[in-house]
Amino acid sequence: MDVEQARNKFQELRAQSEGVSPTDLDAVWAALDVVAAADILGTWKGAVFQTGHQLCTILPASGWHGKTFHSVLDAKPLMCRDDEGNLYSNVKLGRGEASLWNIEFRGEVTATMVYDGKPIFDHFKRVDENTLMGIMNGKPEAVLDNGRHLYFLLERD
């Protein structure tokens, strides 16, 4: 799969309301370009690919809106909306905040968010200038659901 095919498949998979295949997502991930941590600073709106991972229901229930990267050392992984619609960093759910690093994952060095209070890494690859694909990784008991990663996307907000 080349990068254009991966972008098209990405759009197809994000439109699915359920049953997204982690195998298909892995193929898309493999074809996308890596991105540097310093290049993803800003505010991002998030969504999950509907693979059936337990976080596909937990994140929306928490009011998760997306992520904010003020600098590589000031990342807010769980930007949520309260009952009045106001954005806030949910440090309780995330057990703190995070930082950005360039870390190797699946044989490539790419932008990765490292959570301060949990053994979790969110790896990112570029779909286009305004869209990132993410894979949540870390200690299996912290992030895996039946051996599967959480796959998500971010769009510039």
Protein backbone atom coordinates (compact mmCIF):
# COMPACT_ATOMS: atom_id res chain seq x y z
CA MET A 1 0.00 0.00 0.00
CA ASP A 2 1.38 3.43 -0.90
CA VAL A 3 0.69 6.61 1.06
CA GLU A 4 -2.21 7.73 -1.18
CA GLN A 5 -3.90 4.34 -0.82
CA ALA A 6 -3.33 4.55 2.94
CA ARG A 7 -4.98 7.98 3.10
CA ASN A 8 -7.99 6.70 1.18
CA LYS A 9 -8.27 3.59 3.38
CA PHE A 10 -7.91 5.81 6.49
CA GLN A 11 -10.95 7.85 5.40
CA GLU A 12 -12.92 4.69 4.68
CA LEU A 13 -12.12 3.20 8.10
CA ARG A 14 -12.87 6.40 10.03
CA ALA A 15 -16.36 6.45 8.49
CA GLN A 16 -17.19 2.97 9.80
CA SER A 17 -19.48 3.08 12.83
CA GLU A 18 -18.31 -0.35 14.05
CA GLY A 19 -16.21 -3.37 13.16
CA VAL A 20 -13.04 -1.57 12.07
CA SER A 21 -10.29 -4.15 11.58
CA PRO A 22 -7.05 -3.61 13.52
CA THR A 23 -5.28 -5.48 10.70
CA ASP A 24 -6.51 -2.87 8.19
CA LEU A 25 -5.44 -0.08 10.56
CA ASP A 26 -1.98 -1.62 10.90
CA ALA A 27 -1.62 -1.66 7.10
CA VAL A 28 -2.60 2.02 6.92
CA TRP A 29 -0.18 2.87 9.75
CA ALA A 30 2.71 1.11 8.00
CA ALA A 31 2.24 3.20 4.83
CA LEU A 32 1.92 6.63 6.48
CA ASP A 33 4.80 9.05 6.98
CA VAL A 34 6.41 9.56 10.37
CA VAL A 35 6.15 12.99 11.98
CA ALA A 36 8.46 14.87 14.37
CA ALA A 37 7.25 15.82 17.84
CA ALA A 38 7.97 19.51 17.29
CA ASP A 39 5.79 19.48 14.15
CA ILE A 40 2.53 18.52 15.89
CA LEU A 41 2.27 21.36 18.42
CA GLY A 42 -1.18 22.84 18.68
CA THR A 43 -4.74 21.90 19.53
CA TRP A 44 -6.26 18.70 18.16
CA LYS A 45 -9.76 17.22 18.14
CA GLY A 46 -9.83 13.45 18.56
CA ALA A 47 -11.91 10.45 17.61
CA VAL A 48 -11.43 6.70 17.94
CA PHE A 49 -11.60 4.03 15.27
CA GLN A 50 -14.47 1.71 16.19
CA THR A 51 -12.52 -1.54 16.66
CA GLY A 52 -14.45 -2.63 19.75
CA HIS A 53 -11.58 -1.72 22.12
CA GLN A 54 -12.99 -0.89 25.57
CA LEU A 55 -11.69 2.69 25.30
CA CYS A 56 -13.97 3.23 22.29
CA THR A 57 -16.78 3.74 24.81
CA ILE A 58 -14.81 4.99 27.84
CA LEU A 59 -13.21 7.98 26.08
CA PRO A 60 -16.46 9.42 24.67
CA ALA A 61 -18.17 8.85 28.04
CA SER A 62 -15.43 10.93 29.71
CA GLY A 63 -16.19 13.87 27.43
CA TRP A 64 -12.87 13.44 25.62
CA HIS A 65 -12.43 16.17 23.02
CA GLY A 66 -8.81 15.70 21.96
CA LYS A 67 -5.24 16.65 22.84
CA THR A 68 -3.31 19.90 23.21
CA PHE A 69 0.43 20.17 22.71
CA HIS A 70 1.65 23.57 23.98
CA SER A 71 5.29 22.49 23.67
CA VAL A 72 7.17 19.21 23.66
CA LEU A 73 7.30 19.32 27.46
CA ASP A 74 3.70 20.52 27.96
CA ALA A 75 1.20 18.08 26.47
CA LYS A 76 -2.37 17.59 27.61
CA PRO A 77 -3.52 14.12 26.54
CA LEU A 78 -7.08 14.19 27.78
CA MET A 79 -8.76 17.45 26.89
CA CYS A 80 -12.39 16.92 27.89
CA ARG A 81 -15.61 18.93 27.95
CA ASP A 82 -17.48 19.46 31.20
CA ASP A 83 -21.28 19.52 31.49
CA GLU A 84 -21.32 23.18 30.40
CA GLY A 85 -19.19 22.44 27.33
CA ASN A 86 -15.99 24.01 28.69
CA LEU A 87 -12.66 22.39 27.81
CA TYR A 88 -10.35 21.24 30.59
CA SER A 89 -7.37 18.93 30.98
CA ASN A 90 -8.60 15.81 32.78
CA VAL A 91 -5.51 15.20 34.91
CA LYS A 92 -7.45 12.84 37.19
CA LEU A 93 -8.29 10.41 34.39
CA GLY A 94 -4.81 10.68 32.87
CA ARG A 95 -3.01 10.74 36.24
CA GLY A 96 -1.23 13.90 35.16
CA GLU A 97 -0.34 15.23 31.78
CA ALA A 98 2.37 14.30 29.26
CA SER A 99 5.31 15.27 27.04
CA LEU A 100 6.26 14.69 23.41
CA TRP A 101 9.29 12.75 22.23
CA ASN A 102 10.59 11.17 19.04
CA ILE A 103 10.54 7.45 19.87
CA GLU A 104 10.98 4.26 17.85
CA PHE A 105 7.81 2.21 17.34
CA ARG A 106 7.51 -0.65 14.86
CA GLY A 107 10.95 0.13 13.45
CA GLU A 108 10.41 3.85 12.81
CA VAL A 109 11.11 6.94 14.90
CA THR A 110 7.98 9.09 15.13
CA ALA A 111 6.32 11.63 17.42
CA THR A 112 5.17 9.98 20.64
CA MET A 113 3.31 11.36 23.64
CA VAL A 114 4.53 9.91 26.94
CA TYR A 115 2.01 10.08 29.79
CA ASP A 116 3.38 11.37 33.11
CA GLY A 117 1.37 9.11 35.40
CA LYS A 118 0.67 5.94 33.41
CA PRO A 119 2.82 3.48 31.43
CA ILE A 120 1.28 4.72 28.16
CA PHE A 121 2.69 5.99 24.86
CA ASP A 122 0.60 7.49 22.06
CA HIS A 123 2.50 7.16 18.76
CA PHE A 124 1.57 9.42 15.83
CA LYS A 125 1.97 9.36 12.06
CA ARG A 126 0.93 11.99 9.52
CA VAL A 127 -2.11 11.41 7.32
CA ASP A 128 -1.97 14.98 5.96
CA GLU A 129 -1.11 18.47 7.24
CA ASN A 130 -4.16 18.57 9.50
CA THR A 131 -4.66 14.91 10.42
CA LEU A 132 -2.71 12.41 12.50
CA MET A 133 -3.24 8.72 13.10
CA GLY A 134 -2.47 7.49 16.61
CA ILE A 135 -1.85 4.15 18.28
CA MET A 136 -1.98 3.87 22.07
CA ASN A 137 0.79 1.61 23.31
CA GLY A 138 2.31 0.71 26.66
CA LYS A 139 2.15 -1.95 29.33
CA PRO A 140 -0.45 -4.50 28.23
CA GLU A 141 -2.55 -4.19 31.38
CA ALA A 142 -2.75 -0.42 30.90
CA VAL A 143 -3.70 -0.19 27.22
CA LEU A 144 -4.40 -3.46 25.48
CA ASP A 145 -7.88 -4.95 25.18
CA ASN A 146 -7.74 -8.65 24.22
CA GLY A 147 -4.23 -8.00 22.89
CA ARG A 148 -5.37 -5.07 20.72
CA HIS A 149 -4.16 -1.47 20.73
CA LEU A 150 -6.47 1.55 20.66
CA TYR A 151 -6.36 3.31 17.28
CA PHE A 152 -7.43 6.94 17.06
CA LEU A 153 -7.14 10.06 14.95
CA LEU A 154 -6.49 13.72 15.61
CA GLU A 155 -7.51 16.69 13.47
CA ARG A 156 -6.29 20.24 13.97
CA ASP A 157 -8.92 22.04 16.03
